[in-house]
N, C-alpha and C. Protein backbone atom coordinates (compact mmCIF):
# COMPACT_ATOMS: atom_id res chain seq x y z
N UNK A 1 10.89 -15.74 5.15
CA UNK A 1 10.22 -15.63 6.59
C UNK A 1 9.74 -16.25 7.39
N UNK A 2 9.42 -15.89 8.48
CA UNK A 2 8.79 -16.72 8.79
C UNK A 2 7.57 -15.55 9.55
N UNK A 3 6.55 -15.31 9.75
CA UNK A 3 5.55 -14.35 9.77
C UNK A 3 5.45 -13.79 11.46
N UNK A 4 6.14 -15.18 12.07
CA UNK A 4 5.82 -15.10 13.51
C UNK A 4 7.22 -14.52 14.45
N UNK A 5 8.71 -14.30 13.13
CA UNK A 5 9.71 -14.21 13.70
C UNK A 5 9.47 -12.53 13.19
N UNK A 6 10.68 -11.46 13.89
CA UNK A 6 10.53 -10.25 13.39
C UNK A 6 11.83 -9.50 13.94
N UNK A 7 13.20 -9.13 13.22
CA UNK A 7 14.00 -8.74 13.34
C UNK A 7 13.90 -7.13 12.89
N UNK A 8 14.40 -5.92 13.22
CA UNK A 8 14.50 -4.71 13.65
C UNK A 8 14.49 -4.19 11.68
N UNK A 9 15.48 -5.27 11.15
CA UNK A 9 15.70 -4.59 9.51
C UNK A 9 14.82 -5.56 8.46
N UNK A 10 13.74 -6.10 9.21
CA UNK A 10 12.57 -6.78 8.59
C UNK A 10 11.82 -5.60 8.06
N UNK A 11 11.80 -6.11 6.46
CA UNK A 11 10.48 -4.59 5.91
C UNK A 11 9.00 -5.33 6.20
N UNK A 12 8.83 -6.29 6.57
CA UNK A 12 7.46 -6.56 6.45
C UNK A 12 7.06 -6.67 8.02
N UNK A 13 5.97 -6.59 8.45
CA UNK A 13 5.38 -6.47 10.08
C UNK A 13 5.19 -8.23 10.09
N UNK A 14 4.87 -8.38 11.52
CA UNK A 14 4.55 -9.51 12.06
C UNK A 14 3.21 -9.28 12.09
N UNK A 15 2.55 -10.73 12.53
CA UNK A 15 1.09 -11.13 12.33
C UNK A 15 0.30 -10.16 13.25
N UNK A 16 1.08 -9.87 14.57
CA UNK A 16 1.03 -9.22 15.69
C UNK A 16 0.81 -8.06 15.70
N UNK A 17 1.84 -7.24 14.63
CA UNK A 17 1.45 -5.78 14.44
C UNK A 17 0.51 -5.65 13.24
N UNK A 18 -0.02 -6.31 12.79
CA UNK A 18 -0.84 -6.36 12.20
C UNK A 18 -2.20 -6.23 12.36
N UNK A 19 -2.37 -7.04 13.68
CA UNK A 19 -3.50 -6.83 14.19
C UNK A 19 -3.86 -5.72 15.23
N UNK A 20 -2.26 -5.19 15.53
CA UNK A 20 -2.49 -4.28 16.24
C UNK A 20 -2.51 -2.71 15.71
N UNK A 21 -2.13 -2.89 14.55
CA UNK A 21 -1.94 -1.15 14.30
C UNK A 21 -3.31 -0.71 13.71
N UNK A 22 -3.17 0.40 13.24
CA UNK A 22 -4.65 0.97 13.23
C UNK A 22 -4.62 1.63 11.65
N UNK A 23 -3.76 1.27 11.06
CA UNK A 23 -3.90 1.64 9.68
C UNK A 23 -2.66 1.24 9.14
N UNK A 24 -3.09 0.50 7.21
CA UNK A 24 -1.05 -0.01 6.89
C UNK A 24 -1.37 1.08 5.81
N UNK A 25 0.00 0.64 5.32
CA UNK A 25 0.51 1.31 4.11
C UNK A 25 1.66 0.09 3.59
N UNK A 26 1.22 -0.35 1.80
CA UNK A 26 2.24 -1.11 1.87
C UNK A 26 2.79 -0.94 0.49
N UNK A 27 4.40 -0.97 0.28
CA UNK A 27 4.88 -0.66 -0.63
C UNK A 27 5.41 -1.96 -1.67
N UNK A 28 5.73 -2.02 -2.79
CA UNK A 28 6.67 -3.41 -3.55
C UNK A 28 7.19 -2.54 -4.38
N UNK A 29 8.38 -2.73 -5.25
CA UNK A 29 8.19 -2.42 -6.68
C UNK A 29 7.70 -3.08 -7.35
N UNK A 30 7.12 -2.99 -8.73
CA UNK A 30 7.04 -3.55 -9.90
C UNK A 30 7.87 -4.68 -9.91
N UNK A 31 7.59 -6.17 -10.07
CA UNK A 31 8.01 -6.96 -11.02
C UNK A 31 6.77 -7.65 -11.44
N UNK A 32 6.67 -7.11 -13.24
CA UNK A 32 6.30 -7.95 -14.06
C UNK A 32 4.39 -8.03 -14.01
N UNK A 33 4.55 -6.51 -13.25
CA UNK A 33 2.83 -6.10 -13.49
C UNK A 33 2.06 -6.51 -12.15
N UNK A 34 3.34 -7.33 -10.90
CA UNK A 34 2.37 -7.49 -9.73
C UNK A 34 3.40 -7.33 -8.39
N UNK A 35 3.32 -7.33 -7.39
CA UNK A 35 4.05 -7.26 -6.17
C UNK A 35 5.18 -8.07 -6.57
N UNK A 36 6.47 -7.79 -5.51
CA UNK A 36 7.12 -8.65 -5.59
C UNK A 36 7.13 -9.58 -4.37
N UNK A 37 7.57 -11.07 -5.05
CA UNK A 37 7.55 -12.50 -4.35
C UNK A 37 7.31 -12.65 -2.52
N UNK A 38 8.25 -11.62 -2.20
CA UNK A 38 8.42 -11.49 -0.96
C UNK A 38 6.83 -11.27 -0.11
N UNK A 39 6.62 -9.98 -0.25
CA UNK A 39 5.32 -9.56 0.06
C UNK A 39 4.21 -10.53 -0.43
N UNK A 40 4.02 -11.13 -1.40
CA UNK A 40 2.77 -12.24 -1.49
C UNK A 40 3.50 -13.38 -0.74
N UNK A 41 4.34 -13.30 -0.77
CA UNK A 41 4.15 -14.95 0.55
C UNK A 41 4.28 -14.14 1.71
N UNK A 42 4.42 -13.56 2.14
CA UNK A 42 3.79 -12.71 3.64
C UNK A 42 2.76 -13.02 3.57
N UNK A 43 1.77 -12.19 2.95
CA UNK A 43 -0.02 -11.71 2.48
C UNK A 43 -0.24 -13.44 2.57
N UNK A 44 0.26 -14.67 2.02
CA UNK A 44 -0.10 -15.82 1.82
C UNK A 44 0.15 -16.40 3.59
N UNK A 45 1.18 -15.85 4.50
CA UNK A 45 0.83 -16.47 5.48
C UNK A 45 0.16 -15.76 6.77
N UNK A 46 -0.83 -14.69 6.08
CA UNK A 46 -1.58 -14.37 7.05
C UNK A 46 -3.17 -14.87 7.30
N UNK A 47 -3.12 -16.26 7.01
CA UNK A 47 -4.45 -17.04 7.01
C UNK A 47 -5.29 -17.03 8.06
N UNK A 48 -3.88 -16.75 9.14
CA UNK A 48 -4.97 -16.93 10.72
C UNK A 48 -5.97 -15.63 11.03
N UNK A 49 -5.57 -14.43 10.24
CA UNK A 49 -5.81 -13.00 10.89
C UNK A 49 -7.46 -13.17 9.98
N UNK A 50 -7.14 -13.45 8.67
CA UNK A 50 -8.14 -14.04 7.71
C UNK A 50 -9.24 -15.09 8.39
N UNK A 51 -8.87 -16.14 9.04
CA UNK A 51 -9.60 -16.51 9.90
C UNK A 51 -10.54 -16.08 10.71
N UNK A 52 -9.48 -15.46 11.11
CA UNK A 52 -10.32 -14.75 12.69
C UNK A 52 -11.15 -13.05 12.37
N UNK A 53 -11.29 -12.74 11.19
CA UNK A 53 -11.48 -11.40 10.95
C UNK A 53 -10.57 -10.46 11.41
N UNK A 54 -9.30 -10.26 11.91
CA UNK A 54 -8.40 -9.42 12.25
C UNK A 54 -8.55 -8.25 11.71
N UNK A 55 -8.54 -8.40 10.66
CA UNK A 55 -8.30 -7.11 9.67
C UNK A 55 -9.34 -6.27 9.15
N UNK A 56 -10.48 -6.75 9.53
CA UNK A 56 -11.86 -6.31 9.01
C UNK A 56 -12.08 -4.55 9.00
N UNK A 57 -12.05 -4.25 8.59
CA UNK A 57 -12.40 -2.63 8.67
C UNK A 57 -11.31 -1.66 8.84
N UNK A 58 -10.09 -2.56 9.26
CA UNK A 58 -8.82 -1.55 9.07
C UNK A 58 -8.38 -0.74 7.61
N UNK A 59 -8.13 0.20 7.81
CA UNK A 59 -7.81 1.29 6.79
C UNK A 59 -6.19 1.27 5.80
N UNK A 60 -6.04 0.47 4.84
CA UNK A 60 -5.30 0.38 3.98
C UNK A 60 -4.47 0.89 2.67
N UNK A 61 -3.07 1.56 2.55
CA UNK A 61 -3.23 1.95 0.91
C UNK A 61 -1.73 1.45 1.04
N UNK A 62 -1.69 0.92 -0.46
CA UNK A 62 -0.58 0.75 -1.14
C UNK A 62 0.08 1.79 -2.10
N UNK A 63 1.67 1.76 -2.48
CA UNK A 63 2.43 2.21 -3.33
C UNK A 63 4.17 1.31 -3.88
N UNK A 64 3.84 2.11 -5.27
CA UNK A 64 4.88 1.05 -5.81
C UNK A 64 6.19 1.85 -6.59
N UNK A 65 6.86 1.27 -7.02
CA UNK A 65 8.19 1.94 -8.10
C UNK A 65 8.56 1.39 -8.82
N UNK A 66 8.57 1.22 -10.43
CA UNK A 66 8.58 0.90 -11.62
C UNK A 66 9.95 1.27 -12.03
N UNK A 67 10.70 0.41 -12.77
CA UNK A 67 12.02 1.00 -13.51
C UNK A 67 11.34 1.77 -14.89
N UNK A 68 10.32 2.00 -15.04
CA UNK A 68 10.11 2.53 -16.13
C UNK A 68 8.49 2.79 -16.40
N UNK A 69 8.21 3.91 -17.38
CA UNK A 69 6.83 4.30 -17.59
C UNK A 69 6.24 2.92 -18.34
N UNK A 70 5.37 3.03 -17.97
CA UNK A 70 4.31 1.40 -18.82
C UNK A 70 4.77 0.29 -17.97
N UNK A 71 5.48 0.76 -16.97
CA UNK A 71 6.01 -1.01 -16.15
C UNK A 71 5.30 -1.64 -15.40
N UNK A 72 3.75 -1.07 -15.60
CA UNK A 72 3.29 -2.08 -14.56
C UNK A 72 2.73 -1.74 -13.31
N UNK A 73 2.44 0.01 -12.58
CA UNK A 73 2.32 0.28 -11.65
C UNK A 73 1.02 -0.15 -11.00
N UNK A 74 0.09 0.75 -12.15
CA UNK A 74 -1.99 0.54 -12.03
C UNK A 74 -1.90 -1.19 -11.67
N UNK A 75 -1.10 -2.59 -12.58
CA UNK A 75 -1.43 -3.36 -11.91
C UNK A 75 -0.75 -4.38 -11.14
N UNK A 76 0.13 -3.13 -10.61
CA UNK A 76 1.14 -3.56 -9.34
C UNK A 76 0.16 -3.71 -8.24
N UNK A 77 -0.17 -2.21 -8.09
CA UNK A 77 -1.01 -2.24 -6.91
C UNK A 77 -2.57 -2.48 -7.15
N UNK A 78 -3.06 -3.33 -7.86
CA UNK A 78 -4.47 -3.50 -7.90
C UNK A 78 -4.01 -4.90 -7.16
N UNK A 79 -2.60 -5.78 -7.18
CA UNK A 79 -2.19 -6.80 -7.44
C UNK A 79 -2.01 -7.15 -5.57
N UNK A 80 -1.64 -5.64 -5.43
CA UNK A 80 -1.39 -5.28 -4.00
C UNK A 80 -2.49 -5.40 -3.05
N UNK A 81 -4.06 -4.92 -3.65
CA UNK A 81 -4.80 -4.41 -2.65
C UNK A 81 -5.69 -5.86 -2.67
N UNK A 82 -5.72 -6.68 -3.54
CA UNK A 82 -6.47 -8.33 -3.70
C UNK A 82 -6.09 -8.95 -2.09
N UNK A 83 -5.46 -9.00 -1.63
CA UNK A 83 -5.38 -9.31 -0.26
C UNK A 83 -5.80 -8.61 0.88
N UNK A 84 -5.41 -7.65 0.28
CA UNK A 84 -6.32 -6.62 1.72
C UNK A 84 -7.97 -6.50 1.56
N UNK A 85 -8.34 -6.89 0.25
CA UNK A 85 -9.78 -6.93 0.40
C UNK A 85 -10.36 -8.29 0.57
N UNK A 86 -9.33 -9.57 0.45
CA UNK A 86 -9.74 -10.52 1.11
C UNK A 86 -9.96 -10.61 2.60
N UNK A 87 -9.62 -9.78 3.50
CA UNK A 87 -9.29 -9.55 4.64
C UNK A 87 -10.19 -8.59 5.05
N UNK A 88 -10.87 -7.76 4.24
CA UNK A 88 -12.47 -7.20 4.39
C UNK A 88 -11.51 -5.42 4.83
N UNK A 89 -10.30 -5.48 4.25
CA UNK A 89 -10.06 -4.07 5.10
C UNK A 89 -10.57 -3.35 4.19
N UNK A 90 -10.32 -1.62 4.33
CA UNK A 90 -10.64 -0.70 3.25
C UNK A 90 -9.14 0.15 2.87
N UNK A 91 -9.68 -0.05 1.78
CA UNK A 91 -8.39 0.16 0.90
C UNK A 91 -8.62 1.93 0.15
N UNK A 92 -8.14 2.62 0.19
CA UNK A 92 -7.78 3.89 0.02
C UNK A 92 -6.37 3.82 -1.18
N UNK A 93 -7.53 4.75 -2.36
CA UNK A 93 -6.92 5.70 -3.19
C UNK A 93 -6.34 6.84 -2.98
N UNK A 94 -6.26 7.45 -4.28
CA UNK A 94 -5.75 9.05 -4.09
C UNK A 94 -7.31 9.45 -5.36
N UNK A 95 -8.14 10.28 -4.30
CA UNK A 95 -9.02 10.87 -5.30
C UNK A 95 -8.76 12.10 -6.69
N UNK A 96 -9.14 11.98 -7.59
CA UNK A 96 -9.16 12.78 -8.31
C UNK A 96 -9.78 14.67 -8.08
N UNK A 97 -9.60 14.73 -6.71
CA UNK A 97 -9.63 15.85 -6.28
C UNK A 97 -8.19 16.45 -5.89
N UNK A 98 -7.22 15.92 -6.05
CA UNK A 98 -5.72 15.96 -6.44
C UNK A 98 -5.15 16.58 -7.11
N UNK A 99 -5.31 17.74 -7.37
CA UNK A 99 -4.79 18.64 -8.74
C UNK A 99 -3.58 17.78 -9.50
N UNK A 100 -2.70 16.96 -8.38
CA UNK A 100 -1.24 16.80 -9.27
C UNK A 100 -1.55 15.00 -10.03
N UNK A 101 -2.52 14.57 -9.85
CA UNK A 101 -3.86 13.56 -9.72
C UNK A 101 -3.44 14.18 -11.78
N UNK A 102 -4.22 15.13 -11.94
CA UNK A 102 -4.17 15.08 -13.67
C UNK A 102 -3.04 15.66 -14.15
N UNK A 103 -2.18 16.55 -13.71
CA UNK A 103 -1.14 16.77 -14.10
C UNK A 103 -0.19 16.24 -13.78
N UNK A 104 0.51 14.96 -13.21
CA UNK A 104 1.78 14.46 -13.27
C UNK A 104 2.15 13.84 -14.69
N UNK A 105 3.33 13.50 -14.89
CA UNK A 105 3.69 12.73 -16.28
C UNK A 105 4.49 11.75 -15.84
N UNK A 106 4.49 11.10 -14.53
CA UNK A 106 5.33 10.02 -14.53
C UNK A 106 4.30 8.99 -13.18
N UNK A 107 4.48 8.96 -12.10
CA UNK A 107 3.78 8.18 -11.24
C UNK A 107 2.65 8.93 -10.31
N UNK A 108 1.83 8.15 -10.12
CA UNK A 108 0.95 8.83 -9.20
C UNK A 108 -0.59 8.27 -9.76
N UNK A 109 -1.52 7.67 -9.17
CA UNK A 109 -2.36 7.16 -10.35
C UNK A 109 -3.74 7.05 -8.91
N UNK A 110 -5.11 6.59 -9.36
CA UNK A 110 -6.34 6.78 -8.29
C UNK A 110 -5.83 5.62 -7.40
N UNK A 111 -4.94 4.65 -7.87
CA UNK A 111 -5.09 3.40 -7.15
C UNK A 111 -4.05 3.36 -5.91
N UNK A 112 -3.20 4.43 -5.96
CA UNK A 112 -1.93 4.79 -4.52
C UNK A 112 -0.90 5.47 -5.51
N UNK A 113 -0.11 5.85 -4.32
CA UNK A 113 1.21 6.64 -5.22
C UNK A 113 2.37 6.02 -5.70
N UNK A 114 2.72 6.43 -6.76
CA UNK A 114 3.76 5.08 -7.22
C UNK A 114 5.35 6.46 -8.39
N UNK A 115 5.87 5.87 -8.36
CA UNK A 115 7.11 6.64 -9.01
C UNK A 115 7.77 5.95 -9.79
N UNK A 116 8.41 6.37 -11.10
CA UNK A 116 9.32 5.92 -12.19
C UNK A 116 10.79 5.60 -11.32
N UNK A 117 11.58 4.57 -11.10
CA UNK A 117 12.46 4.37 -10.52
C UNK A 117 13.71 4.85 -11.47
N UNK A 118 13.93 5.38 -12.65
CA UNK A 118 14.97 5.48 -13.59
C UNK A 118 15.20 6.83 -13.17
N UNK A 119 14.16 7.72 -13.03
CA UNK A 119 14.06 9.21 -13.04
C UNK A 119 15.22 9.32 -11.30
N UNK A 120 16.12 10.64 -12.10
CA UNK A 120 16.84 10.94 -10.90
C UNK A 120 16.24 11.31 -9.21
N UNK A 121 15.27 11.40 -9.49
CA UNK A 121 14.62 11.97 -8.45
C UNK A 121 13.15 11.60 -8.26
N UNK A 122 12.44 11.71 -7.01
CA UNK A 122 10.96 11.76 -7.26
C UNK A 122 10.50 13.45 -7.71
N UNK A 123 9.24 13.02 -8.97
CA UNK A 123 9.21 14.73 -9.09
C UNK A 123 8.02 15.13 -7.88
N UNK A 124 7.83 16.71 -7.98
CA UNK A 124 7.12 17.20 -6.73
C UNK A 124 5.40 16.88 -7.27
N UNK A 125 5.09 16.00 -8.04
CA UNK A 125 3.74 15.46 -7.99
C UNK A 125 3.70 14.44 -7.94
N UNK A 126 4.87 13.49 -7.68
CA UNK A 126 4.99 12.25 -7.15
C UNK A 126 5.14 11.69 -5.60
N UNK A 127 5.73 13.29 -4.94
CA UNK A 127 5.77 13.61 -3.66
C UNK A 127 4.30 13.96 -2.90
N UNK A 128 4.19 15.09 -4.10
CA UNK A 128 2.65 15.60 -3.49
C UNK A 128 1.42 14.29 -3.22
N UNK A 129 1.29 13.24 -4.33
CA UNK A 129 0.42 12.62 -3.95
C UNK A 129 0.93 11.26 -3.46
N UNK A 130 1.95 11.28 -3.10
CA UNK A 130 2.13 10.14 -1.68
C UNK A 130 2.19 11.24 -0.36
N UNK A 131 2.33 12.16 -0.57
CA UNK A 131 1.98 12.74 0.91
C UNK A 131 0.59 12.64 1.21
N UNK A 132 -0.42 13.07 0.15
CA UNK A 132 -1.75 12.85 0.33
C UNK A 132 -2.35 11.36 0.48
N UNK A 133 -1.88 10.83 -0.25
CA UNK A 133 -2.46 9.41 0.12
C UNK A 133 -1.78 9.00 1.32
N UNK A 134 -1.00 9.12 2.71
CA UNK A 134 -0.39 8.91 3.67
C UNK A 134 -1.38 9.90 4.54
N UNK A 135 -1.83 10.44 4.05
CA UNK A 135 -2.59 11.80 5.34
C UNK A 135 -3.70 11.16 4.94
N UNK A 136 -4.24 10.92 3.99
CA UNK A 136 -5.37 10.57 4.14
C UNK A 136 -5.76 8.75 4.66
N UNK A 137 -4.48 8.11 4.73
CA UNK A 137 -4.59 6.88 5.80
C UNK A 137 -4.49 7.69 7.33
N UNK A 138 -3.48 7.96 7.32
CA UNK A 138 -3.86 8.86 8.29
C UNK A 138 -5.27 9.16 9.47
N UNK A 139 -6.06 9.97 8.40
CA UNK A 139 -6.90 10.71 8.72
C UNK A 139 -7.84 9.39 8.93
N UNK A 140 -8.14 8.96 8.13
CA UNK A 140 -9.20 7.76 8.08
C UNK A 140 -9.09 6.75 9.29
N UNK A 141 -8.02 6.61 9.59
CA UNK A 141 -7.67 5.98 10.65
C UNK A 141 -7.87 6.18 12.27
N UNK A 142 -7.58 7.67 12.28
CA UNK A 142 -7.79 8.51 13.39
C UNK A 142 -9.03 8.77 13.61
N UNK A 143 -9.90 8.85 12.72
CA UNK A 143 -11.21 9.05 12.36
C UNK A 143 -12.40 7.64 12.94
N UNK A 144 -11.88 6.64 12.53
CA UNK A 144 -12.04 4.97 12.66
C UNK A 144 -11.77 4.53 14.30
N UNK A 145 -10.52 4.87 14.71
CA UNK A 145 -10.38 4.87 16.05
C UNK A 145 -11.04 5.86 16.96
N UNK A 146 -11.28 6.74 16.73
CA UNK A 146 -12.33 7.86 17.65
C UNK A 146 -13.65 7.06 17.50
N UNK A 147 -14.31 6.73 16.78
CA UNK A 147 -15.29 6.29 16.75
C UNK A 147 -15.71 4.02 17.48
N UNK A 148 -14.80 4.09 17.79
CA UNK A 148 -14.70 2.92 18.97
C UNK A 148 -15.28 3.63 19.52
């Protein structure tokens, strides 16, 4: 996929969409403890944005799903953060003030929202943690936009 072409079914944003957005949430399945290759390839194509500093100070968060417990959720989330940090983005996680982070038995980490895909459905804790991460991203983006 070219970073300059986009169809409605494409799950990844164009470079112009990245520049124009107020905040970013990126997700990827776990692949051997890393983000999926298409997402890595996408970020590899964002050098023009990096050179111009177009993403500096934009808030972002990451989320993932693995097929099993201990399948690499946290390392995948961390691998997804690396390009965001190189772009100078503000990476948001889930703070320990969220009670579900202390009680979850499957997904959800301070690095971002996560789930275990072999479960029949998302747990209430996984849903709540994902919602709180999304709310935190939206609130931060709104505050930053309002301060400009």
